[in-house]
Structures are given as structure tokens and as C-alpha cells.
């Protein structure tokens, strides 16, 4: 039984932090649990911000991880709207923005990530947006509805998941959309040239215009409002609003100030943790978007910015804080919904890591599974409008066994038979 006088502090009020707090209680921890949130809203999940909530299909209350009453009932002390501004590992204390000093026995950093900013003229104009927080989604939801009513134009910098999901939402409202992307296809660094073009075709069919091979160099305004954008190839595009969707940076400032080991940005950034999500300080763990973990299955250090990692990583870190033997080896997973396309992606296959892409099903109808292989071994798989197969794909990845690509491509051979 854990000492009832212990205090476990969690910095970060997102999904990872909230699920960690819940897990501490579920595992029988009877000490103090303090959850520090720099936002005034209760902990919430982020996928709806670019999916159901942004589309107007889900209500605001649907995004929250727990009912507000849960925290008091579970004896979890919430500090809402209070950023942690200083961490002292030697004294094991955290200082909040209002000067409150909190002592801890164990600490979890679940500080998440923040949108990368455009470093160009014009970013201070009204009509320049980011999407990371609930307040961003609330504002953008109104903007998209207004653009749709007035035939307005949204320019999106970046054709990653957020950029594409917002493009789909904007088109559902009737807004005009142009996406500026330096790579030759959307999601180029994730799906490669083999399948990135699938999303070009999907969005083009719904009226989205792409401008590939270019970067924004200026947002042009008049009377403080956006009127157009310029790119480094000399083009100018009309715009009433601009969304910067150029990725997210892990929020490592607190960890760096405290002297914890962090990973270089060139290598993905984040707080360096071991397989038990423990930092270079034995009393401090990290989970979620900010954690760059030694992955036992993939044999690499990996930082994953997706919902499933927060959902599972927070509880894993909580159990490790309680002294349980944890080896966090979840297969990376994420999902996306755009128009009538739904997909799930499992695994990790960065550019240069694979030598073959194999598809089973009908790519033209967008009902298929794609596999990224290296010497016959499945590194990653993406199921598009094909369901109840993600678990089988993850089993193939876990097995590490070389497979016959022809059998992998044959839809008459059940996936389950390939990993048994």
C-alpha cells in the first residue's frame, strides 16, 4: 500500500494527465493527487477539435475527458488556469504562476505540444489562426461558418493531418480552401509518395486547391485584416483567413529549465524517457505528446503526437510512478476522418525505412489496406474504409516475421491467418 502521505503531481491537463490521475486512483493510490492545468477548461480530448466539434456535429461538452464532478469525487485536486512556471528537482517542488509552491514525491510531466508558428510578416493580422486548444476550435468553428455564408477563402499552410481535416470541415461549411504545402503530396513524410496522392485526389474532388512545392512568405493585410498570401515562388493567393498547420513543438521549457534530458529538435524533440516513461530524474516521469520514449518494440526513441499515445501513455506512466514494472511498447496508432474517408494507421515507417508498399483491396474505390514493408516485415499499415483490422495489422507489426507480399495483398487470405 502506498504511503497515504505521499503527493503525486501531474503537470498538464490534457488527456494524458487526466487519464494518469484517474489511473492513480483506480490502482489504489490514497495520497494526494494534484493536477495542474494551464487552461481554464477541465481536461479535454483534442481529436474533436479538428473533427466532430469543428464540423458542428458534436457539442462542446462532448470533448471533456470526465464530467467536472469526477475530480472532486476522486479526490483529485485541480488547479485550472494555472501554469507551472518553475520546477526544482532537488527540492521536489513546482511553482505555479500565482506563486503557489507545491511539493511532490513523484511528478508527471504531460505538458503536451504547441502549434509551430509561421515566422513571416503578417502573422499578427486578424484572421490568422492555429488549432490546438478548445478556444482555437471555438473561434475557428465560427470563422468557417462565416466563410461558408460569405463565399470566403481559407488558406491553410501545411497538408498534414490537421490541415487536411480542417480543409474537409471548411468545405463542409462551403468555404473556399487553398492548401500551401512544400512537399509534392499531402502527408508526404508519413505516407510517402505512394499514397500521399490519394489525399490530393480526395480533396481535389471536394473543391480544395493545392499549391505544392511552395512555402508562405507573407500574409498581406489591409486595415488589419487578411486579404491574401504570398509564396516563395512568386504566387499570390486570395485569403480572408489563414490557418497555420505546420506541426507542433513539444512543450519542454519546464523540463529544460529543470535540467532534465531532452531530445534535439532535429531528432523529433521532447523529454527523453525510458521504456517506463521515466526521465533522467528518477522521481519525474513524462507522457503524451511531450515524451520521447525508448520504444522496446521498435528499438528506437520515438515521440508520438496522437490521441492513442496520450490515452495509453498517461496510465502507463501512472503505474510506473506507483512502482509497477512497466515497459511501454504500444504500437503507434492514429485515425482520421475526411469527407467519406475514414482511416486508421498503425506502426512507424518513416521515409527510407521501407522498401515496398503493398496494398490489398481496391485503392481506386478507397477501400483497401496498405502495408509498408522492409525485407518482407510489416513496419506499418493503414486501413482505409476497411474496419476491424487494426488489431491484426498491429499483430503483424509485433511479430516481426517476414511475409509473402502476394499473400499480404490477397484479400481472400484472412489477416489473422498471417500472424498466427
Protein backbone atom coordinates (compact mmCIF):
# COMPACT_ATOMS: atom_id res chain seq x y z
CA UNK A 1 0.00 0.00 0.00
CA UNK A 2 1.30 3.41 -0.96
CA UNK A 3 2.08 5.81 1.88
CA UNK A 4 -1.03 7.97 2.38
CA UNK A 5 1.18 10.99 3.00
CA UNK A 6 2.66 10.93 -0.50
CA UNK A 7 1.81 13.61 -3.05
CA UNK A 8 1.84 12.88 -6.77
CA UNK A 9 1.68 15.95 -9.01
CA UNK A 10 0.72 15.96 -12.69
CA UNK A 11 1.61 18.98 -14.80
CA UNK A 12 -0.61 19.11 -17.87
CA UNK A 13 -4.37 18.98 -18.12
CA UNK A 14 -4.80 17.12 -21.39
CA UNK A 15 -5.86 13.52 -22.00
CA UNK A 16 -2.57 12.02 -20.76
CA UNK A 17 -2.65 13.95 -17.50
CA UNK A 18 -6.33 13.30 -16.82
CA UNK A 19 -6.05 9.57 -17.52
CA UNK A 20 -2.94 9.36 -15.34
CA UNK A 21 -4.82 10.93 -12.43
CA UNK A 22 -7.74 8.56 -12.96
CA UNK A 23 -5.37 5.57 -13.06
CA UNK A 24 -3.62 6.53 -9.82
CA UNK A 25 -6.96 6.30 -8.02
CA UNK A 26 -8.03 3.16 -9.88
CA UNK A 27 -4.77 1.47 -8.83
CA UNK A 28 -5.42 2.27 -5.18
CA UNK A 29 -3.19 5.28 -4.58
CA UNK A 30 -4.51 7.02 -1.45
CA UNK A 31 -2.17 10.01 -1.28
CA UNK A 32 -2.77 13.47 -2.73
CA UNK A 33 -3.19 13.74 -6.49
CA UNK A 34 -2.73 17.26 -7.84
CA UNK A 35 -3.48 18.04 -11.49
CA UNK A 36 -2.14 21.36 -12.78
CA UNK A 37 -3.84 22.72 -15.92
CA UNK A 38 -2.78 25.95 -17.59
CA UNK A 39 -6.17 26.22 -19.33
CA UNK A 40 -9.34 27.22 -17.51
CA UNK A 41 -11.32 24.37 -19.06
CA UNK A 42 -11.41 20.93 -17.49
CA UNK A 43 -9.20 18.34 -19.26
CA UNK A 44 -10.45 17.56 -22.75
CA UNK A 45 -9.60 15.43 -25.77
CA UNK A 46 -8.15 17.07 -28.87
CA UNK A 47 -9.35 14.95 -31.87
CA UNK A 48 -12.84 16.53 -31.86
CA UNK A 49 -11.24 19.96 -32.27
CA UNK A 50 -10.49 19.17 -35.92
CA UNK A 51 -13.21 16.56 -36.39
CA UNK A 52 -16.72 16.34 -34.90
CA UNK A 53 -16.75 19.52 -32.85
CA UNK A 54 -15.26 21.65 -35.63
CA UNK A 55 -17.78 20.18 -38.06
CA UNK A 56 -20.63 21.18 -35.75
CA UNK A 57 -21.64 17.53 -35.24
CA UNK A 58 -20.62 17.36 -31.57
CA UNK A 59 -21.44 19.63 -28.66
CA UNK A 60 -18.80 21.37 -26.57
CA UNK A 61 -19.39 19.17 -23.52
CA UNK A 62 -18.58 16.04 -25.56
CA UNK A 63 -14.87 16.86 -25.68
CA UNK A 64 -14.17 16.57 -21.94
CA UNK A 65 -12.34 13.53 -20.59
CA UNK A 66 -14.51 13.35 -17.45
CA UNK A 67 -17.58 15.02 -16.04
CA UNK A 68 -16.47 18.01 -13.94
CA UNK A 69 -17.74 16.33 -10.78
CA UNK A 70 -15.39 13.38 -11.31
CA UNK A 71 -12.34 15.18 -9.98
CA UNK A 72 -13.84 16.09 -6.61
CA UNK A 73 -15.36 12.63 -6.28
CA UNK A 74 -11.95 11.03 -6.99
CA UNK A 75 -10.21 13.49 -4.63
CA UNK A 76 -8.12 14.90 -7.46
CA UNK A 77 -7.10 18.48 -6.72
CA UNK A 78 -7.48 20.60 -9.87
CA UNK A 79 -5.57 23.82 -10.43
CA UNK A 80 -7.26 25.27 -13.52
CA UNK A 81 -5.84 28.26 -15.38
CA UNK A 82 -2.55 27.96 -13.51
CA UNK A 83 0.64 27.29 -15.48
CA UNK A 84 3.60 25.64 -13.80
CA UNK A 85 6.44 28.14 -14.20
CA UNK A 86 9.33 26.59 -12.28
CA UNK A 87 10.42 23.06 -11.43
CA UNK A 88 13.01 22.32 -8.76
CA UNK A 89 14.01 18.63 -8.92
CA UNK A 90 16.44 18.97 -5.99
CA UNK A 91 13.76 20.33 -3.68
CA UNK A 92 10.99 18.39 -5.45
CA UNK A 93 8.75 21.40 -5.82
CA UNK A 94 6.73 23.03 -8.57
CA UNK A 95 5.88 26.73 -8.53
CA UNK A 96 2.72 27.97 -10.21
CA UNK A 97 2.14 31.26 -11.96
CA UNK A 98 0.40 32.74 -8.93
CA UNK A 99 3.38 31.90 -6.70
CA UNK A 100 1.92 28.77 -5.11
CA UNK A 101 4.66 26.26 -4.26
CA UNK A 102 3.68 22.59 -4.41
CA UNK A 103 5.90 19.81 -3.05
CA UNK A 104 5.80 16.38 -4.67
CA UNK A 105 7.04 12.87 -4.09
CA UNK A 106 6.56 11.87 -7.74
CA UNK A 107 5.88 14.15 -10.70
CA UNK A 108 4.44 13.52 -14.16
CA UNK A 109 5.10 15.98 -16.96
CA UNK A 110 2.27 15.80 -19.50
CA UNK A 111 2.72 19.28 -20.91
CA UNK A 112 1.85 18.32 -24.48
CA UNK A 113 2.80 20.34 -27.54
CA UNK A 114 2.02 23.74 -29.03
CA UNK A 115 1.49 24.80 -32.64
CA UNK A 116 4.56 25.84 -34.57
CA UNK A 117 4.32 29.47 -35.62
CA UNK A 118 4.78 30.97 -39.05
CA UNK A 119 7.85 33.19 -38.98
CA UNK A 120 6.75 35.56 -41.74
CA UNK A 121 5.32 39.09 -41.99
CA UNK A 122 1.62 39.42 -41.33
CA UNK A 123 1.07 36.83 -38.61
CA UNK A 124 -0.30 39.50 -36.28
CA UNK A 125 -3.25 40.26 -38.55
CA UNK A 126 -6.79 39.36 -37.54
CA UNK A 127 -7.73 36.17 -39.33
CA UNK A 128 -4.53 34.19 -38.67
CA UNK A 129 -5.35 31.00 -36.77
CA UNK A 130 -3.82 27.97 -35.06
CA UNK A 131 -5.65 24.87 -33.88
CA UNK A 132 -4.54 23.23 -30.67
CA UNK A 133 -6.83 24.34 -27.87
CA UNK A 134 -10.57 24.31 -27.34
CA UNK A 135 -10.65 28.10 -27.58
CA UNK A 136 -8.96 27.85 -31.00
CA UNK A 137 -11.60 25.38 -32.21
CA UNK A 138 -14.46 27.54 -30.91
CA UNK A 139 -13.14 30.53 -32.79
CA UNK A 140 -12.35 28.57 -35.97
CA UNK A 141 -15.77 26.93 -35.99
CA UNK A 142 -17.38 30.35 -36.18
CA UNK A 143 -14.90 31.51 -38.81
CA UNK A 144 -15.61 28.54 -41.08
CA UNK A 145 -19.35 29.05 -40.81
CA UNK A 146 -18.91 32.74 -41.69
CA UNK A 147 -16.62 31.96 -44.63
CA UNK A 148 -19.16 29.47 -45.92
CA UNK A 149 -22.00 32.01 -45.78
CA UNK A 150 -19.94 34.71 -47.48
CA UNK A 151 -18.07 32.53 -50.00
CA UNK A 152 -14.87 33.42 -48.17
CA UNK A 153 -11.44 31.92 -48.72
CA UNK A 154 -9.32 29.99 -46.22
CA UNK A 155 -5.63 29.41 -46.93
CA UNK A 156 -4.02 26.56 -44.99
CA UNK A 157 -0.26 26.35 -44.56
CA UNK A 158 0.55 22.65 -44.35
CA UNK A 159 -1.04 19.47 -45.72
CA UNK A 160 -0.64 17.32 -42.63
CA UNK A 161 -3.48 15.72 -40.66
CA UNK A 162 -4.70 18.95 -39.05
CA UNK A 163 -4.53 20.89 -42.31
CA UNK A 164 -6.46 18.23 -44.21
CA UNK A 165 -9.11 17.74 -41.53
CA UNK A 166 -9.72 21.48 -41.28
CA UNK A 167 -9.89 21.67 -45.09
CA UNK A 168 -12.61 19.00 -45.07
CA UNK A 169 -14.50 20.86 -42.34
CA UNK A 170 -14.17 24.17 -44.20
CA UNK A 171 -15.54 22.66 -47.39
CA UNK A 172 -18.48 21.20 -45.45
CA UNK A 173 -19.37 24.78 -44.47
CA UNK A 174 -18.95 25.93 -48.08
CA UNK A 175 -15.73 27.91 -47.67
CA UNK A 176 -13.17 28.11 -50.46
CA UNK A 177 -9.90 26.40 -49.50
CA UNK A 178 -6.31 26.57 -50.78
CA UNK A 179 -3.57 24.47 -49.16
CA UNK A 180 0.08 25.55 -49.48
CA UNK A 181 2.48 22.63 -48.99
CA UNK A 182 6.26 22.48 -49.67
CA UNK A 183 6.25 18.72 -50.35
CA UNK A 184 4.90 17.19 -53.58
CA UNK A 185 1.94 15.47 -51.87
CA UNK A 186 -0.04 15.73 -48.63
CA UNK A 187 1.30 13.70 -45.70
CA UNK A 188 4.47 13.13 -47.66
CA UNK A 189 6.64 12.40 -44.63
CA UNK A 190 4.14 9.88 -43.25
CA UNK A 191 2.62 8.11 -46.24
CA UNK A 192 5.34 8.78 -48.78
CA UNK A 193 4.73 9.48 -52.48
CA UNK A 194 3.00 6.13 -52.89
CA UNK A 195 -0.16 7.08 -51.01
CA UNK A 196 0.05 10.81 -50.38
CA UNK A 197 -1.53 11.42 -53.78
CA UNK A 198 -4.65 9.61 -52.57
CA UNK A 199 -5.40 12.60 -50.36
CA UNK A 200 -4.66 15.06 -53.17
CA UNK A 201 -7.34 13.38 -55.26
CA UNK A 202 -9.79 13.13 -52.35
CA UNK A 203 -9.62 16.83 -51.50
CA UNK A 204 -9.44 17.99 -55.11
CA UNK A 205 -12.70 16.16 -55.80
CA UNK A 206 -14.24 18.23 -53.00
CA UNK A 207 -13.01 21.52 -54.41
CA UNK A 208 -9.81 22.09 -52.43
CA UNK A 209 -6.99 23.72 -54.38
CA UNK A 210 -3.40 22.67 -53.68
CA UNK A 211 -0.21 24.62 -54.28
CA UNK A 212 2.66 22.16 -53.83
CA UNK A 213 6.37 22.88 -53.72
CA UNK A 214 5.94 26.27 -52.06
CA UNK A 215 6.00 27.98 -48.67
CA UNK A 216 4.25 31.07 -47.39
CA UNK A 217 6.48 34.12 -47.27
CA UNK A 218 3.97 36.82 -46.33
CA UNK A 219 0.40 37.30 -45.19
CA UNK A 220 -0.87 40.50 -46.80
CA UNK A 221 -3.35 42.67 -44.92
CA UNK A 222 -5.46 45.78 -45.29
CA UNK A 223 -6.86 47.69 -42.30
CA UNK A 224 -5.62 44.91 -40.04
CA UNK A 225 -7.42 42.13 -41.94
CA UNK A 226 -6.02 39.36 -44.15
CA UNK A 227 -6.54 39.89 -47.88
CA UNK A 228 -4.06 37.48 -49.49
CA UNK A 229 -0.91 35.38 -49.02
CA UNK A 230 2.32 35.22 -50.99
CA UNK A 231 4.56 32.22 -51.56
CA UNK A 232 8.26 31.81 -52.23
CA UNK A 233 7.67 31.02 -55.90
CA UNK A 234 6.13 34.45 -56.51
CA UNK A 235 2.47 33.42 -56.41
CA UNK A 236 -0.26 35.33 -54.57
CA UNK A 237 -3.47 33.71 -53.35
CA UNK A 238 -6.63 35.45 -52.11
CA UNK A 239 -7.44 34.82 -48.45
CA UNK A 240 -9.79 36.05 -45.78
CA UNK A 241 -8.35 33.75 -43.11
CA UNK A 242 -5.15 31.72 -42.75
CA UNK A 243 -4.57 28.57 -40.71
CA UNK A 244 -1.00 27.68 -39.74
CA UNK A 245 -0.93 23.86 -39.69
CA UNK A 246 2.82 23.30 -39.90
CA UNK A 247 3.19 20.92 -37.00
CA UNK A 248 3.54 21.09 -33.24
CA UNK A 249 6.53 21.55 -30.93
CA UNK A 250 6.78 19.64 -27.64
CA UNK A 251 6.46 21.90 -24.60
CA UNK A 252 9.80 21.13 -22.98
CA UNK A 253 10.59 24.52 -21.39
CA UNK A 254 9.86 23.36 -17.83
CA UNK A 255 11.95 20.22 -18.29
CA UNK A 256 14.84 22.15 -19.82
CA UNK A 257 14.78 24.72 -17.02
CA UNK A 258 14.96 21.83 -14.52
CA UNK A 259 17.95 20.27 -16.28
CA UNK A 260 16.17 17.12 -17.50
CA UNK A 261 17.48 15.38 -20.60
CA UNK A 262 15.68 16.50 -23.77
CA UNK A 263 15.98 15.41 -27.39
CA UNK A 264 17.22 17.71 -30.14
CA UNK A 265 14.53 19.16 -32.37
CA UNK A 266 16.27 17.61 -35.39
CA UNK A 267 15.56 14.21 -33.83
CA UNK A 268 11.93 14.99 -33.02
CA UNK A 269 12.37 16.87 -29.76
CA UNK A 270 10.66 16.04 -26.49
CA UNK A 271 11.64 14.96 -22.98
CA UNK A 272 13.84 11.87 -23.08
CA UNK A 273 12.29 8.97 -21.17
CA UNK A 274 12.99 5.26 -20.87
CA UNK A 275 10.56 2.42 -21.56
CA UNK A 276 8.95 3.06 -18.15
CA UNK A 277 8.42 6.71 -19.20
CA UNK A 278 10.94 7.81 -16.55
CA UNK A 279 13.01 10.93 -17.23
CA UNK A 280 16.67 11.46 -16.29
CA UNK A 281 15.35 12.25 -12.80
CA UNK A 282 14.05 9.07 -11.09
CA UNK A 283 11.20 10.97 -9.42
CA UNK A 284 9.89 12.52 -12.64
CA UNK A 285 8.05 10.80 -15.49
CA UNK A 286 6.72 12.18 -18.78
CA UNK A 287 3.90 11.02 -21.05
CA UNK A 288 1.88 12.06 -24.07
CA UNK A 289 2.98 14.40 -26.84
CA UNK A 290 5.97 15.70 -24.89
CA UNK A 291 7.60 12.32 -24.17
CA UNK A 292 10.31 10.93 -26.45
CA UNK A 293 10.43 7.33 -25.30
CA UNK A 294 12.79 4.43 -25.83
CA UNK A 295 10.38 2.07 -27.62
CA UNK A 296 11.09 -1.59 -26.77
CA UNK A 297 9.27 -2.99 -29.80
CA UNK A 298 10.52 -0.56 -32.45
CA UNK A 299 14.02 -0.29 -30.95
CA UNK A 300 14.17 3.48 -31.42
CA UNK A 301 13.45 6.65 -29.50
CA UNK A 302 10.06 7.89 -30.60
CA UNK A 303 7.75 10.82 -29.82
CA UNK A 304 4.13 10.24 -30.84
CA UNK A 305 1.68 13.17 -31.10
CA UNK A 306 -1.55 11.24 -31.27
CA UNK A 307 -4.64 10.54 -29.18
CA UNK A 308 -3.93 6.86 -28.51
CA UNK A 309 -0.49 7.64 -27.12
CA UNK A 310 -1.97 10.09 -24.61
CA UNK A 311 -4.82 7.69 -23.80
CA UNK A 312 -2.45 4.81 -23.04
CA UNK A 313 0.74 6.63 -22.07
CA UNK A 314 -0.77 8.56 -19.17
CA UNK A 315 -1.98 5.40 -17.39
CA UNK A 316 1.32 3.61 -18.11
CA UNK A 317 3.26 6.47 -16.51
CA UNK A 318 0.92 6.46 -13.50
CA UNK A 319 1.53 2.76 -12.93
CA UNK A 320 5.27 3.26 -13.26
CA UNK A 321 5.08 6.05 -10.66
CA UNK A 322 3.45 3.52 -8.34
CA UNK A 323 6.43 1.23 -8.74
CA UNK A 324 4.92 -1.24 -11.18
CA UNK A 325 7.20 -2.84 -13.76
CA UNK A 326 6.21 -1.02 -16.94
CA UNK A 327 7.56 -1.38 -20.47
CA UNK A 328 5.51 0.91 -22.68
CA UNK A 329 5.54 -0.73 -26.11
CA UNK A 330 2.22 0.22 -27.71
CA UNK A 331 2.22 0.23 -31.50
CA UNK A 332 1.74 3.87 -32.57
CA UNK A 333 -1.81 4.41 -33.81
CA UNK A 334 -3.88 7.29 -35.13
CA UNK A 335 -7.07 7.83 -37.11
CA UNK A 336 -8.58 10.45 -39.37
CA UNK A 337 -11.96 11.20 -40.90
CA UNK A 338 -12.17 13.36 -44.03
CA UNK A 339 -15.41 13.59 -46.04
CA UNK A 340 -16.45 9.96 -46.64
CA UNK A 341 -12.97 8.58 -45.99
CA UNK A 342 -12.13 7.07 -42.64
CA UNK A 343 -8.73 5.61 -41.95
CA UNK A 344 -6.55 4.14 -39.22
CA UNK A 345 -2.77 3.98 -39.29
CA UNK A 346 -0.70 1.67 -37.10
CA UNK A 347 3.08 1.44 -36.85
CA UNK A 348 6.07 3.53 -37.78
CA UNK A 349 7.57 3.70 -41.28
CA UNK A 350 9.46 6.96 -41.81
CA UNK A 351 10.94 7.76 -45.24
CA UNK A 352 13.87 5.50 -46.03
CA UNK A 353 12.86 2.77 -43.59
CA UNK A 354 10.78 0.69 -46.02
CA UNK A 355 11.49 -0.91 -49.39
CA UNK A 356 7.99 -1.83 -50.54
CA UNK A 357 4.36 -0.76 -50.22
CA UNK A 358 1.75 -3.49 -50.69
CA UNK A 359 -1.99 -2.90 -50.98
CA UNK A 360 -4.91 -5.30 -50.58
CA UNK A 361 -8.35 -4.21 -51.72
CA UNK A 362 -9.47 -1.51 -54.14
CA UNK A 363 -7.33 1.63 -53.94
CA UNK A 364 -9.42 3.34 -56.62
CA UNK A 365 -12.58 2.93 -54.54
CA UNK A 366 -10.67 3.93 -51.40
CA UNK A 367 -11.43 0.63 -49.70
CA UNK A 368 -8.11 -1.01 -49.02
CA UNK A 369 -5.28 -1.75 -46.61
CA UNK A 370 -1.73 -0.56 -47.33
CA UNK A 371 1.35 -2.14 -45.76
CA UNK A 372 4.81 -0.63 -45.56
CA UNK A 373 7.43 -3.42 -45.63
CA UNK A 374 11.14 -3.79 -45.03
CA UNK A 375 12.54 -7.10 -46.25
CA UNK A 376 9.05 -8.55 -46.02
CA UNK A 377 8.43 -7.40 -42.45
CA UNK A 378 5.45 -5.13 -41.80
CA UNK A 379 6.52 -1.78 -40.35
CA UNK A 380 3.16 -0.04 -40.66
CA UNK A 381 -0.33 -0.50 -42.04
CA UNK A 382 -3.16 1.84 -42.98
CA UNK A 383 -6.74 0.67 -43.38
CA UNK A 384 -8.92 2.99 -45.46
CA UNK A 385 -12.70 2.45 -45.18
CA UNK A 386 -11.96 -1.12 -44.05
CA UNK A 387 -12.75 -1.79 -40.43
CA UNK A 388 -11.97 -4.17 -37.57
CA UNK A 389 -8.49 -4.92 -38.87
CA UNK A 390 -6.25 -2.57 -36.86
CA UNK A 391 -5.59 -5.22 -34.22
CA UNK A 392 -4.50 -7.71 -36.88
CA UNK A 393 -2.23 -5.11 -38.50
CA UNK A 394 -0.61 -4.42 -35.13
CA UNK A 395 -0.09 -8.15 -34.57
CA UNK A 396 1.73 -8.35 -37.91
CA UNK A 397 3.95 -5.47 -36.85
CA UNK A 398 4.63 -7.07 -33.47
CA UNK A 399 5.51 -10.44 -34.94
CA UNK A 400 8.37 -9.04 -37.00
CA UNK A 401 8.12 -12.13 -39.20
CA UNK A 402 8.82 -11.82 -42.94
CA UNK A 403 5.70 -12.33 -45.02
CA UNK A 404 4.95 -13.22 -48.61
CA UNK A 405 3.85 -9.89 -50.20
CA UNK A 406 1.50 -11.74 -52.54
CA UNK A 407 -0.33 -13.30 -49.59
CA UNK A 408 -0.41 -9.94 -47.85
CA UNK A 409 -2.04 -8.40 -50.94
CA UNK A 410 -4.60 -11.20 -51.36
CA UNK A 411 -7.94 -10.19 -49.75
CA UNK A 412 -9.11 -13.82 -49.78
CA UNK A 413 -6.45 -14.69 -47.18
CA UNK A 414 -7.56 -13.53 -43.70
CA UNK A 415 -5.06 -11.28 -41.98
CA UNK A 416 -5.50 -13.31 -38.82
CA UNK A 417 -4.01 -16.34 -40.55
CA UNK A 418 -0.83 -14.42 -41.36
CA UNK A 419 0.13 -13.72 -37.73
CA UNK A 420 -0.94 -16.96 -36.05
